[in-house]
PDB file of N, CA and C in Angstrom:
ATOM      1  N   MET A   1      -7.797  -3.378  -7.455  1.00  0.00           N
ATOM      2  CA  MET A   1      -7.525  -2.800  -6.112  1.00  0.00           C
ATOM      3  C   MET A   1      -7.826  -3.767  -4.989  1.00  0.00           C
ATOM      4  N   LEU A   2      -6.976  -3.560  -3.745  1.00  0.00           N
ATOM      5  CA  LEU A   2      -7.151  -4.280  -2.709  1.00  0.00           C
ATOM      6  C   LEU A   2      -7.655  -3.248  -1.565  1.00  0.00           C
ATOM      7  N   LEU A   3      -8.745  -3.545  -0.858  1.00  0.00           N
ATOM      8  CA  LEU A   3      -8.846  -2.795   0.814  1.00  0.00           C
ATOM      9  C   LEU A   3      -7.790  -3.483   1.742  1.00  0.00           C
ATOM     10  N   ALA A   4      -7.098  -2.732   2.321  1.00  0.00           N
ATOM     11  CA  ALA A   4      -5.986  -2.868   3.485  1.00  0.00           C
ATOM     12  C   ALA A   4      -6.013  -1.984   4.265  1.00  0.00           C
ATOM     13  N   ARG A   5      -5.515  -2.687   5.580  1.00  0.00           N
ATOM     14  CA  ARG A   5      -5.296  -1.983   6.779  1.00  0.00           C
ATOM     15  C   ARG A   5      -3.637  -1.892   6.998  1.00  0.00           C
ATOM     16  N   VAL A   6      -3.159  -0.580   7.452  1.00  0.00           N
ATOM     17  CA  VAL A   6      -1.704  -0.460   7.557  1.00  0.00           C
ATOM     18  C   VAL A   6      -1.535  -1.062   8.689  1.00  0.00           C
ATOM     19  N   ILE A   7      -0.680  -1.931   8.989  1.00  0.00           N
ATOM     20  CA  ILE A   7      -0.140  -2.649  10.058  1.00  0.00           C
ATOM     21  C   ILE A   7       1.377  -2.261  10.666  1.00  0.00           C
ATOM     22  N   GLY A   8       1.912  -1.627   9.720  1.00  0.00           N
ATOM     23  CA  GLY A   8       3.665  -1.444  10.196  1.00  0.00           C
ATOM     24  C   GLY A   8       4.260  -0.636   9.229  1.00  0.00           C
ATOM     25  N   SER A   9       5.515  -0.525   9.482  1.00  0.00           N
ATOM     26  CA  SER A   9       6.315   0.066   8.547  1.00  0.00           C
ATOM     27  C   SER A   9       7.621  -0.593   8.187  1.00  0.00           C
ATOM     28  N   VAL A  10       8.414  -0.176   7.228  1.00  0.00           N
ATOM     29  CA  VAL A  10       9.517  -1.039   7.112  1.00  0.00           C
ATOM     30  C   VAL A  10      10.627  -0.039   6.616  1.00  0.00           C
ATOM     31  N   TRP A  11      11.900  -0.033   7.375  1.00  0.00           N
ATOM     32  CA  TRP A  11      12.815   0.704   7.571  1.00  0.00           C
ATOM     33  C   TRP A  11      14.103   0.100   6.689  1.00  0.00           C
ATOM     34  N   THR A  12      14.668   0.818   5.600  1.00  0.00           N
ATOM     35  CA  THR A  12      15.868   0.105   5.231  1.00  0.00           C
ATOM     36  C   THR A  12      17.200   1.179   4.944  1.00  0.00           C
ATOM     37  N   THR A  13      18.090   0.611   5.265  1.00  0.00           N
ATOM     38  CA  THR A  13      19.364   1.418   5.029  1.00  0.00           C
ATOM     39  C   THR A  13      19.969   1.448   3.691  1.00  0.00           C
ATOM     40  N   GLN A  14      19.260   0.512   3.026  1.00  0.00           N
ATOM     41  CA  GLN A  14      20.011   0.371   1.372  1.00  0.00           C
ATOM     42  C   GLN A  14      18.703   0.211   0.655  1.00  0.00           C
ATOM     43  N   LYS A  15      18.540   0.731  -0.306  1.00  0.00           N
ATOM     44  CA  LYS A  15      17.423   0.400  -1.478  1.00  0.00           C
ATOM     45  C   LYS A  15      18.057   0.418  -2.837  1.00  0.00           C
ATOM     46  N   GLU A  16      17.279  -0.077  -3.548  1.00  0.00           N
ATOM     47  CA  GLU A  16      17.747  -0.076  -4.997  1.00  0.00           C
ATOM     48  C   GLU A  16      17.514   1.414  -5.559  1.00  0.00           C
ATOM     49  N   LYS A  17      18.270   1.767  -6.967  1.00  0.00           N
ATOM     50  CA  LYS A  17      17.897   3.196  -7.169  1.00  0.00           C
ATOM     51  C   LYS A  17      16.756   3.297  -7.945  1.00  0.00           C
ATOM     52  N   GLY A  18      16.234   4.403  -7.437  1.00  0.00           N
ATOM     53  CA  GLY A  18      14.645   4.778  -7.820  1.00  0.00           C
ATOM     54  C   GLY A  18      13.744   4.501  -6.654  1.00  0.00           C
ATOM     55  N   MET A  19      14.286   4.097  -5.791  1.00  0.00           N
ATOM     56  CA  MET A  19      13.561   3.898  -4.359  1.00  0.00           C
ATOM     57  C   MET A  19      14.040   4.533  -2.825  1.00  0.00           C
ATOM     58  N   GLU A  20      14.960   5.506  -3.464  1.00  0.00           N
ATOM     59  CA  GLU A  20      15.622   6.231  -2.150  1.00  0.00           C
ATOM     60  C   GLU A  20      14.666   6.977  -1.356  1.00  0.00           C
ATOM     61  N   ASN A  21      13.609   7.414  -1.843  1.00  0.00           N
ATOM     62  CA  ASN A  21      12.590   8.742  -1.251  1.00  0.00           C
ATOM     63  C   ASN A  21      11.380   7.871  -1.209  1.00  0.00           C
ATOM     64  N   ILE A  22      11.302   6.557  -1.350  1.00  0.00           N
ATOM     65  CA  ILE A  22       9.983   5.868  -0.938  1.00  0.00           C
ATOM     66  C   ILE A  22       9.798   5.313   0.475  1.00  0.00           C
ATOM     67  N   LYS A  23       8.374   5.692   0.691  1.00  0.00           N
ATOM     68  CA  LYS A  23       8.234   5.226   2.009  1.00  0.00           C
ATOM     69  C   LYS A  23       7.479   3.836   2.017  1.00  0.00           C
ATOM     70  N   LEU A  24       7.585   2.939   2.711  1.00  0.00           N
ATOM     71  CA  LEU A  24       7.372   1.288   2.451  1.00  0.00           C
ATOM     72  C   LEU A  24       6.374   1.060   3.856  1.00  0.00           C
ATOM     73  N   LEU A  25       5.065   0.672   3.822  1.00  0.00           N
ATOM     74  CA  LEU A  25       4.278   0.182   4.782  1.00  0.00           C
ATOM     75  C   LEU A  25       3.673  -1.052   4.683  1.00  0.00           C
ATOM     76  N   ILE A  26       3.748  -1.823   5.784  1.00  0.00           N
ATOM     77  CA  ILE A  26       3.294  -3.513   5.929  1.00  0.00           C
ATOM     78  C   ILE A  26       1.601  -3.145   5.880  1.00  0.00           C
ATOM     79  N   THR A  27       1.125  -3.894   5.039  1.00  0.00           N
ATOM     80  CA  THR A  27      -0.620  -3.867   5.019  1.00  0.00           C
ATOM     81  C   THR A  27      -1.179  -5.140   5.011  1.00  0.00           C
ATOM     82  N   GLN A  28      -2.228  -5.121   5.514  1.00  0.00           N
ATOM     83  CA  GLN A  28      -3.025  -6.387   5.678  1.00  0.00           C
ATOM     84  C   GLN A  28      -4.255  -6.422   4.778  1.00  0.00           C
ATOM     85  N   PRO A  29      -4.277  -6.981   3.724  1.00  0.00           N
ATOM     86  CA  PRO A  29      -5.534  -6.962   2.926  1.00  0.00           C
ATOM     87  C   PRO A  29      -7.033  -7.624   3.724  1.00  0.00           C
ATOM     88  N   LEU A  30      -7.952  -7.001   3.336  1.00  0.00           N
ATOM     89  CA  LEU A  30      -9.178  -7.345   4.151  1.00  0.00           C
ATOM     90  C   LEU A  30     -10.054  -7.578   2.932  1.00  0.00           C
ATOM     91  N   ASN A  31     -11.137  -8.323   3.752  1.00  0.00           N
ATOM     92  CA  ASN A  31     -12.355  -8.667   2.516  1.00  0.00           C
ATOM     93  C   ASN A  31     -13.455  -7.343   3.186  1.00  0.00           C
ATOM     94  N   ALA A  32     -14.413  -7.517   2.655  1.00  0.00           N
ATOM     95  CA  ALA A  32     -15.553  -6.410   2.703  1.00  0.00           C
ATOM     96  C   ALA A  32     -16.164  -6.363   4.179  1.00  0.00           C
ATOM     97  N   LYS A  33     -16.097  -7.523   4.904  1.00  0.00           N
ATOM     98  CA  LYS A  33     -16.069  -7.481   6.401  1.00  0.00           C
ATOM     99  C   LYS A  33     -15.189  -7.067   7.360  1.00  0.00           C
ATOM    100  N   ARG A  34     -14.373  -6.308   6.658  1.00  0.00           N
ATOM    101  CA  ARG A  34     -12.930  -6.033   7.242  1.00  0.00           C
ATOM    102  C   ARG A  34     -12.092  -7.251   7.993  1.00  0.00           C
ATOM    103  N   GLU A  35     -12.385  -8.587   7.733  1.00  0.00           N
ATOM    104  CA  GLU A  35     -11.407  -9.594   7.888  1.00  0.00           C
ATOM    105  C   GLU A  35     -10.146  -9.480   7.479  1.00  0.00           C
ATOM    106  N   HIS A  36      -9.243 -10.340   7.718  1.00  0.00           N
ATOM    107  CA  HIS A  36      -7.830 -10.750   6.983  1.00  0.00           C
ATOM    108  C   HIS A  36      -8.277 -11.514   5.951  1.00  0.00           C
ATOM    109  N   GLN A  37      -7.697 -11.125   4.738  1.00  0.00           N
ATOM    110  CA  GLN A  37      -7.732 -11.949   3.169  1.00  0.00           C
ATOM    111  C   GLN A  37      -6.224 -11.829   2.624  1.00  0.00           C
ATOM    112  N   GLY A  38      -5.551 -13.199   2.695  1.00  0.00           N
ATOM    113  CA  GLY A  38      -4.393 -12.999   2.047  1.00  0.00           C
ATOM    114  C   GLY A  38      -3.356 -12.741   3.231  1.00  0.00           C
ATOM    115  N   ASN A  39      -1.914 -12.791   2.365  1.00  0.00           N
ATOM    116  CA  ASN A  39      -0.925 -12.550   2.877  1.00  0.00           C
ATOM    117  C   ASN A  39      -0.470 -10.898   2.804  1.00  0.00           C
ATOM    118  N   HIS A  40       0.242 -10.589   3.858  1.00  0.00           N
ATOM    119  CA  HIS A  40       0.811  -9.250   3.935  1.00  0.00           C
ATOM    120  C   HIS A  40       1.121  -8.427   2.608  1.00  0.00           C
ATOM    121  N   VAL A  41       1.037  -7.107   2.389  1.00  0.00           N
ATOM    122  CA  VAL A  41       1.578  -6.724   1.172  1.00  0.00           C
ATOM    123  C   VAL A  41       2.462  -5.491   1.659  1.00  0.00           C
ATOM    124  N   ILE A  42       3.569  -5.467   1.351  1.00  0.00           N
ATOM    125  CA  ILE A  42       4.536  -4.276   1.628  1.00  0.00           C
ATOM    126  C   ILE A  42       4.263  -3.167   0.127  1.00  0.00           C
ATOM    127  N   ALA A  43       3.746  -2.006   0.666  1.00  0.00           N
ATOM    128  CA  ALA A  43       3.171  -1.089  -0.481  1.00  0.00           C
ATOM    129  C   ALA A  43       3.929   0.016  -0.195  1.00  0.00           C
ATOM    130  N   MET A  44       4.379   0.864  -1.537  1.00  0.00           N
ATOM    131  CA  MET A  44       5.023   2.402  -1.219  1.00  0.00           C
ATOM    132  C   MET A  44       3.718   3.098  -1.103  1.00  0.00           C
ATOM    133  N   ASP A  45       4.126   4.167  -0.187  1.00  0.00           N
ATOM    134  CA  ASP A  45       3.241   5.053   0.308  1.00  0.00           C
ATOM    135  C   ASP A  45       3.475   6.697   0.008  1.00  0.00           C
ATOM    136  N   ARG A  46       2.966   7.447  -0.980  1.00  0.00           N
ATOM    137  CA  ARG A  46       3.143   8.687  -0.795  1.00  0.00           C
ATOM    138  C   ARG A  46       2.069   9.563  -0.344  1.00  0.00           C
ATOM    139  N   LEU A  47       1.043   8.748   0.194  1.00  0.00           N
ATOM    140  CA  LEU A  47      -0.052   9.953   0.686  1.00  0.00           C
ATOM    141  C   LEU A  47       0.055  10.324   2.292  1.00  0.00           C
ATOM    142  N   GLY A  48       0.864   9.661   3.039  1.00  0.00           N
ATOM    143  CA  GLY A  48       0.882   9.616   4.310  1.00  0.00           C
ATOM    144  C   GLY A  48       0.032   8.981   5.323  1.00  0.00           C
ATOM    145  N   ALA A  49      -0.191   7.747   4.811  1.00  0.00           N
ATOM    146  CA  ALA A  49      -1.094   6.797   5.343  1.00  0.00           C
ATOM    147  C   ALA A  49      -0.401   6.373   6.731  1.00  0.00           C
ATOM    148  N   GLY A  50      -0.752   6.295   7.918  1.00  0.00           N
ATOM    149  CA  GLY A  50      -0.419   5.585   9.277  1.00  0.00           C
ATOM    150  C   GLY A  50      -0.958   4.305   9.662  1.00  0.00           C
ATOM    151  N   VAL A  51      -0.485   3.819  10.791  1.00  0.00           N
ATOM    152  CA  VAL A  51      -0.671   2.723  11.106  1.00  0.00           C
ATOM    153  C   VAL A  51      -1.878   2.736  11.636  1.00  0.00           C
ATOM    154  N   GLY A  52      -2.809   1.531  11.210  1.00  0.00           N
ATOM    155  CA  GLY A  52      -4.415   1.511  11.692  1.00  0.00           C
ATOM    156  C   GLY A  52      -5.127   1.942  10.473  1.00  0.00           C
ATOM    157  N   GLU A  53      -4.828   2.615   9.598  1.00  0.00           N
ATOM    158  CA  GLU A  53      -5.477   3.508   8.844  1.00  0.00           C
ATOM    159  C   GLU A  53      -5.936   2.037   7.344  1.00  0.00           C
ATOM    160  N   LEU A  54      -7.205   2.437   6.891  1.00  0.00           N
ATOM    161  CA  LEU A  54      -7.584   1.788   5.835  1.00  0.00           C
ATOM    162  C   LEU A  54      -7.254   2.195   4.464  1.00  0.00           C
ATOM    163  N   VAL A  55      -6.812   1.494   3.596  1.00  0.00           N
ATOM    164  CA  VAL A  55      -6.205   2.154   2.384  1.00  0.00           C
ATOM    165  C   VAL A  55      -6.553   1.358   1.141  1.00  0.00           C
ATOM    166  N   LEU A  56      -6.612   2.099   0.047  1.00  0.00           N
ATOM    167  CA  LEU A  56      -6.669   1.207  -1.142  1.00  0.00           C
ATOM    168  C   LEU A  56      -5.278   0.923  -1.806  1.00  0.00           C
ATOM    169  N   ILE A  57      -5.077  -0.246  -2.266  1.00  0.00           N
ATOM    170  CA  ILE A  57      -3.695  -0.713  -2.781  1.00  0.00           C
ATOM    171  C   ILE A  57      -3.831  -1.064  -4.180  1.00  0.00           C
ATOM    172  N   THR A  58      -3.164  -0.530  -5.149  1.00  0.00           N
ATOM    173  CA  THR A  58      -2.915  -1.138  -6.446  1.00  0.00           C
ATOM    174  C   THR A  58      -1.682  -2.012  -6.504  1.00  0.00           C
ATOM    175  N   GLN A  59      -1.574  -2.994  -7.549  1.00  0.00           N
ATOM    176  CA  GLN A  59      -0.608  -3.560  -7.634  1.00  0.00           C
ATOM    177  C   GLN A  59       0.035  -3.588  -9.045  1.00  0.00           C
ATOM    178  N   GLY A  60       1.378  -4.160  -9.321  1.00  0.00           N
ATOM    179  CA  GLY A  60       1.874  -4.381 -10.572  1.00  0.00           C
ATOM    180  C   GLY A  60       2.115  -3.230 -11.338  1.00  0.00           C
ATOM    181  N   LEU A  61       1.926  -3.163 -12.628  1.00  0.00           N
ATOM    182  CA  LEU A  61       2.604  -1.979 -13.488  1.00  0.00           C
ATOM    183  C   LEU A  61       1.484  -0.817 -13.137  1.00  0.00           C
ATOM    184  N   ALA A  62       0.371  -0.989 -12.544  1.00  0.00           N
ATOM    185  CA  ALA A  62      -0.477   0.067 -11.989  1.00  0.00           C
ATOM    186  C   ALA A  62       0.173   0.961 -10.746  1.00  0.00           C
ATOM    187  N   ALA A  63       0.978   0.052 -10.144  1.00  0.00           N
ATOM    188  CA  ALA A  63       1.565   0.548  -8.933  1.00  0.00           C
ATOM    189  C   ALA A  63       2.898   1.460  -9.242  1.00  0.00           C
ATOM    190  N   GLN A  64       3.584   0.777 -10.193  1.00  0.00           N
ATOM    191  CA  GLN A  64       4.910   1.424 -10.747  1.00  0.00           C
ATOM    192  C   GLN A  64       4.411   2.926 -11.607  1.00  0.00           C
ATOM    193  N   LYS A  65       3.377   3.072 -11.956  1.00  0.00           N
ATOM    194  CA  LYS A  65       2.837   4.222 -12.714  1.00  0.00           C
ATOM    195  C   LYS A  65       2.704   5.177 -11.509  1.00  0.00           C
ATOM    196  N   VAL A  66       2.346   4.953 -10.383  1.00  0.00           N
ATOM    197  CA  VAL A  66       2.080   5.877  -9.217  1.00  0.00           C
ATOM    198  C   VAL A  66       3.342   6.596  -8.783  1.00  0.00           C
ATOM    199  N   ALA A  67       4.518   6.189  -9.038  1.00  0.00           N
ATOM    200  CA  ALA A  67       5.880   6.351  -8.372  1.00  0.00           C
ATOM    201  C   ALA A  67       6.192   7.765  -9.515  1.00  0.00           C
ATOM    202  N   GLU A  68       6.874   8.799  -8.931  1.00  0.00           N
ATOM    203  CA  GLU A  68       7.401   9.822  -9.346  1.00  0.00           C
ATOM    204  C   GLU A  68       8.498   9.145 -10.638  1.00  0.00           C
ATOM    205  N   GLU A  69       9.083   8.267 -10.023  1.00  0.00           N
ATOM    206  CA  GLU A  69      10.483   7.674 -10.689  1.00  0.00           C
ATOM    207  C   GLU A  69      10.015   7.128 -11.640  1.00  0.00           C
ATOM    208  N   LYS A  70      11.072   6.708 -12.539  1.00  0.00           N
ATOM    209  CA  LYS A  70      10.672   6.053 -13.790  1.00  0.00           C
ATOM    210  C   LYS A  70      10.610   4.312 -13.563  1.00  0.00           C
ATOM    211  N   ARG A  71       9.747   3.559 -13.335  1.00  0.00           N
ATOM    212  CA  ARG A  71       9.562   2.351 -13.209  1.00  0.00           C
ATOM    213  C   ARG A  71      10.254   1.585 -12.116  1.00  0.00           C
ATOM    214  N   PRO A  72       9.994   2.368 -10.771  1.00  0.00           N
ATOM    215  CA  PRO A  72      10.901   1.574  -9.822  1.00  0.00           C
ATOM    216  C   PRO A  72      10.704   0.142  -9.524  1.00  0.00           C
ATOM    217  N   PRO A  73      11.358  -0.541  -9.057  1.00  0.00           N
ATOM    218  CA  PRO A  73      11.087  -1.853  -8.633  1.00  0.00           C
ATOM    219  C   PRO A  73      10.172  -1.959  -7.541  1.00  0.00           C
ATOM    220  N   ILE A  74       8.973  -1.473  -7.546  1.00  0.00           N
ATOM    221  CA  ILE A  74       7.891  -1.820  -6.594  1.00  0.00           C
ATOM    222  C   ILE A  74       6.663  -2.742  -7.202  1.00  0.00           C
ATOM    223  N   ASP A  75       6.184  -3.368  -6.298  1.00  0.00           N
ATOM    224  CA  ASP A  75       4.757  -4.250  -6.594  1.00  0.00           C
ATOM    225  C   ASP A  75       3.743  -3.595  -6.314  1.00  0.00           C
ATOM    226  N   ALA A  76       3.411  -2.433  -5.380  1.00  0.00           N
ATOM    227  CA  ALA A  76       2.211  -2.368  -4.609  1.00  0.00           C
ATOM    228  C   ALA A  76       2.349  -0.884  -4.390  1.00  0.00           C
ATOM    229  N   ALA A  77       1.379  -0.181  -4.315  1.00  0.00           N
ATOM    230  CA  ALA A  77       1.336   1.231  -4.124  1.00  0.00           C
ATOM    231  C   ALA A  77      -0.004   1.515  -3.286  1.00  0.00           C
ATOM    232  N   ILE A  78       0.244   2.452  -2.143  1.00  0.00           N
ATOM    233  CA  ILE A  78      -1.030   2.913  -1.695  1.00  0.00           C
ATOM    234  C   ILE A  78      -1.705   4.071  -2.712  1.00  0.00           C
ATOM    235  N   VAL A  79      -2.971   3.972  -2.955  1.00  0.00           N
ATOM    236  CA  VAL A  79      -3.451   5.122  -3.775  1.00  0.00           C
ATOM    237  C   VAL A  79      -4.590   5.683  -3.291  1.00  0.00           C
ATOM    238  N   GLY A  80      -4.943   5.238  -2.250  1.00  0.00           N
ATOM    239  CA  GLY A  80      -6.334   6.204  -1.432  1.00  0.00           C
ATOM    240  C   GLY A  80      -6.277   5.927   0.127  1.00  0.00           C
ATOM    241  N   ILE A  81      -6.660   6.638   0.956  1.00  0.00           N
ATOM    242  CA  ILE A  81      -6.745   6.483   2.262  1.00  0.00           C
ATOM    243  C   ILE A  81      -8.326   6.586   2.570  1.00  0.00           C
ATOM    244  N   VAL A  82      -8.688   5.292   3.059  1.00  0.00           N
ATOM    245  CA  VAL A  82     -10.311   5.287   3.082  1.00  0.00           C
ATOM    246  C   VAL A  82     -10.861   5.933   4.341  1.00  0.00           C
ATOM    247  N   ASP A  83     -11.959   6.750   4.106  1.00  0.00           N
ATOM    248  CA  ASP A  83     -12.697   7.499   5.184  1.00  0.00           C
ATOM    249  C   ASP A  83     -13.630   6.522   5.773  1.00  0.00           C
ATOM    250  N   SER A  84     -14.433   5.894   4.743  1.00  0.00           N
ATOM    251  CA  SER A  84     -15.597   5.187   5.107  1.00  0.00           C
ATOM    252  C   SER A  84     -16.040   4.209   3.836  1.00  0.00           C
ATOM    253  N   PHE A  85     -16.560   2.887   3.950  1.00  0.00           N
ATOM    254  CA  PHE A  85     -17.187   2.278   3.091  1.00  0.00           C
ATOM    255  C   PHE A  85     -18.487   1.683   3.435  1.00  0.00           C
ATOM    256  N   GLU A  86     -19.424   1.263   2.328  1.00  0.00           N
ATOM    257  CA  GLU A  86     -20.689   0.467   2.848  1.00  0.00           C
ATOM    258  C   GLU A  86     -20.610  -0.601   1.920  1.00  0.00           C
ATOM    259  N   VAL A  87     -21.195  -1.559   2.289  1.00  0.00           N
ATOM    260  CA  VAL A  87     -21.507  -2.900   1.720  1.00  0.00           C
ATOM    261  C   VAL A  87     -23.050  -3.155   1.933  1.00  0.00           C
ATOM    262  N   ASN A  88     -23.640  -3.445   0.838  1.00  0.00           N
ATOM    263  CA  ASN A  88     -25.059  -3.600   0.791  1.00  0.00           C
ATOM    264  C   ASN A  88     -25.096  -4.966   0.432  1.00  0.00           C
ATOM    265  N   GLU A  89     -25.609  -6.130   1.088  1.00  0.00           N
ATOM    266  CA  GLU A  89     -25.550  -7.290   0.695  1.00  0.00           C
ATOM    267  C   GLU A  89     -27.016  -7.649   0.173  1.00  0.00           C
TER     268      GLU A  89
END
């Protein structure tokens, strides 16, 4: 899983079959210090996350299993909205 911040939304007028009712958000993966880490990830959102929120993202087959549709063509899904987290070093 990845920790990420939602930084935007994606709107499409045409989608592949199975993606018609899927909301897509642009996320920025973060490290434990909340610093940017890696490339942006476009993730499916069924939880209602908003811009600025911290989220947990899963990728690959695990992301496809989150969708109600049978194996939609997605690579990432938001599986949690983070209220807080703590790192002990």
